[in-house]
Every structure is written in structure tokens, then in C-alpha cells.
Amino acid sequence: MTLSADTLLLRPWRAENAPALLTAYEDPVMRQWVRLPVSMPEEASRWLELQHEGWESGTRFSFAVTDAGRGGEWSATSR
């Protein structure tokens, strides 16, 4: 499932998003609002696995907010 609004594209997280997730979690403002810290590749992989499990079970629907102009990929310039 994907959703779009103007230049934003919301889509389920993918395993290959781990590097972008780690970059996003470097933001101190974001870190203050999250329950599960992500600062290491293993933590990013586990977080992404939890998101996938949530979609599969119907208990969690987490979206990656991405740049539609970049084909649904996250970029440092879109933060």
C-alpha cells in the first residue's frame, strides 16, 4: 500500500531502508519522540522487522515518508 500527498509518498518500510533509518535517528528532535532507539545497524534491522511483522499481523501500519520525485526513496535533502 502506498499513499501520496503532493510531493510526498508514504509506503511501507523496506529492509534496504536501514541506512536512511539510521540517518533519521541521528536527529536529536526525532530521538526525543521515539520509544525504540535506533543507533546501530542491528537495531535498525530489528526495527524494520517489527514494522514488517506489524503489517503482516495487521497490528501496526508504519509508513516511510519519502520523496515522490525520487521514486519513493528517502533523501537527506527531503528532511
C-alpha atoms as a PDB file:
ATOM      1  CA  MET A   1       0.000   0.000   0.000  1.00  0.00           C
ATOM      2  CA  THR A   2       1.244   3.473  -0.847  1.00  0.00           C
ATOM      3  CA  LEU A   3      -0.333   6.866  -0.272  1.00  0.00           C
ATOM      4  CA  SER A   4       0.662  10.179  -1.792  1.00  0.00           C
ATOM      5  CA  ALA A   5       0.131  13.817  -0.969  1.00  0.00           C
ATOM      6  CA  ASP A   6       1.667  16.468  -3.176  1.00  0.00           C
ATOM      7  CA  THR A   7       5.384  15.570  -3.357  1.00  0.00           C
ATOM      8  CA  LEU A   8       5.276  13.057  -0.502  1.00  0.00           C
ATOM      9  CA  LEU A   9       4.863   9.319  -0.921  1.00  0.00           C
ATOM     10  CA  LEU A  10       4.033   7.148   2.081  1.00  0.00           C
ATOM     11  CA  ARG A  11       4.908   3.477   1.712  1.00  0.00           C
ATOM     12  CA  PRO A  12       5.767   0.509   3.908  1.00  0.00           C
ATOM     13  CA  TRP A  13       9.346   0.348   5.148  1.00  0.00           C
ATOM     14  CA  ARG A  14      11.796  -1.897   3.302  1.00  0.00           C
ATOM     15  CA  ALA A  15      14.864  -3.752   4.583  1.00  0.00           C
ATOM     16  CA  GLU A  16      17.086  -1.627   2.340  1.00  0.00           C
ATOM     17  CA  ASN A  17      15.910   1.478   4.227  1.00  0.00           C
ATOM     18  CA  ALA A  18      18.160   0.672   7.208  1.00  0.00           C
ATOM     19  CA  PRO A  19      20.842   3.278   6.301  1.00  0.00           C
ATOM     20  CA  ALA A  20      18.209   6.020   5.872  1.00  0.00           C
ATOM     21  CA  LEU A  21      16.613   4.992   9.163  1.00  0.00           C
ATOM     22  CA  LEU A  22      19.951   5.295  10.962  1.00  0.00           C
ATOM     23  CA  THR A  23      20.469   8.752   9.446  1.00  0.00           C
ATOM     24  CA  ALA A  24      17.000   9.875  10.505  1.00  0.00           C
ATOM     25  CA  TYR A  25      17.599   8.709  14.065  1.00  0.00           C
ATOM     26  CA  GLU A  26      20.668  10.960  14.286  1.00  0.00           C
ATOM     27  CA  ASP A  27      18.262  13.898  14.641  1.00  0.00           C
ATOM     28  CA  PRO A  28      18.016  14.745  18.380  1.00  0.00           C
ATOM     29  CA  VAL A  29      14.467  16.087  17.994  1.00  0.00           C
ATOM     30  CA  MET A  30      13.292  12.810  16.496  1.00  0.00           C
ATOM     31  CA  ARG A  31      15.030  10.763  19.190  1.00  0.00           C
ATOM     32  CA  GLN A  32      13.055  12.518  21.923  1.00  0.00           C
ATOM     33  CA  TRP A  33       9.754  11.247  20.467  1.00  0.00           C
ATOM     34  CA  VAL A  34      10.552   7.575  19.832  1.00  0.00           C
ATOM     35  CA  ARG A  35      10.143   4.556  22.097  1.00  0.00           C
ATOM     36  CA  LEU A  36      12.737   2.307  20.480  1.00  0.00           C
ATOM     37  CA  PRO A  37      16.134   3.932  19.922  1.00  0.00           C
ATOM     38  CA  VAL A  38      17.889   3.043  16.689  1.00  0.00           C
ATOM     39  CA  SER A  39      21.593   3.828  16.625  1.00  0.00           C
ATOM     40  CA  MET A  40      23.202   0.640  15.306  1.00  0.00           C
ATOM     41  CA  PRO A  41      22.600  -1.413  12.142  1.00  0.00           C
ATOM     42  CA  GLU A  42      21.297  -4.343  14.217  1.00  0.00           C
ATOM     43  CA  GLU A  43      18.735  -2.065  15.891  1.00  0.00           C
ATOM     44  CA  ALA A  44      17.650  -0.690  12.516  1.00  0.00           C
ATOM     45  CA  SER A  45      17.189  -4.219  11.171  1.00  0.00           C
ATOM     46  CA  ARG A  46      15.135  -5.218  14.205  1.00  0.00           C
ATOM     47  CA  TRP A  47      13.002  -2.055  13.970  1.00  0.00           C
ATOM     48  CA  LEU A  48      12.305  -2.727  10.302  1.00  0.00           C
ATOM     49  CA  GLU A  49      11.456  -6.340  11.135  1.00  0.00           C
ATOM     50  CA  LEU A  50       8.937  -5.144  13.740  1.00  0.00           C
ATOM     51  CA  GLN A  51       7.304  -2.899  11.144  1.00  0.00           C
ATOM     52  CA  HIS A  52       7.045  -5.805   8.684  1.00  0.00           C
ATOM     53  CA  GLU A  53       5.587  -8.076  11.374  1.00  0.00           C
ATOM     54  CA  GLY A  54       3.032  -5.388  12.218  1.00  0.00           C
ATOM     55  CA  TRP A  55       1.884  -5.142   8.593  1.00  0.00           C
ATOM     56  CA  GLU A  56       1.665  -8.938   8.348  1.00  0.00           C
ATOM     57  CA  SER A  57      -0.387  -9.276  11.541  1.00  0.00           C
ATOM     58  CA  GLY A  58      -2.488  -6.163  10.940  1.00  0.00           C
ATOM     59  CA  THR A  59      -1.419  -4.645  14.267  1.00  0.00           C
ATOM     60  CA  ARG A  60       0.948  -1.914  13.069  1.00  0.00           C
ATOM     61  CA  PHE A  61       0.956   0.216   9.949  1.00  0.00           C
ATOM     62  CA  SER A  62       4.132   2.267   9.860  1.00  0.00           C
ATOM     63  CA  PHE A  63       4.953   4.257   6.747  1.00  0.00           C
ATOM     64  CA  ALA A  64       8.209   5.592   5.368  1.00  0.00           C
ATOM     65  CA  VAL A  65       7.565   9.193   4.318  1.00  0.00           C
ATOM     66  CA  THR A  66       9.516   9.623   1.116  1.00  0.00           C
ATOM     67  CA  ASP A  67      10.009  11.944  -1.826  1.00  0.00           C
ATOM     68  CA  ALA A  68       7.697  11.049  -4.716  1.00  0.00           C
ATOM     69  CA  GLY A  69      10.027  12.892  -7.112  1.00  0.00           C
ATOM     70  CA  ARG A  70      12.800  10.459  -6.207  1.00  0.00           C
ATOM     71  CA  GLY A  71      10.726   7.368  -6.893  1.00  0.00           C
ATOM     72  CA  GLY A  72       9.650   6.890  -3.281  1.00  0.00           C
ATOM     73  CA  GLU A  73      13.141   6.998  -1.848  1.00  0.00           C
ATOM     74  CA  TRP A  74      14.220   8.977   1.182  1.00  0.00           C
ATOM     75  CA  SER A  75      16.927  11.587   0.765  1.00  0.00           C
ATOM     76  CA  ALA A  76      18.865  13.730   3.212  1.00  0.00           C
ATOM     77  CA  THR A  77      17.641  16.802   1.346  1.00  0.00           C
ATOM     78  CA  SER A  78      13.987  15.900   1.960  1.00  0.00           C
ATOM     79  CA  ARG A  79      14.247  16.126   5.754  1.00  0.00           C
END
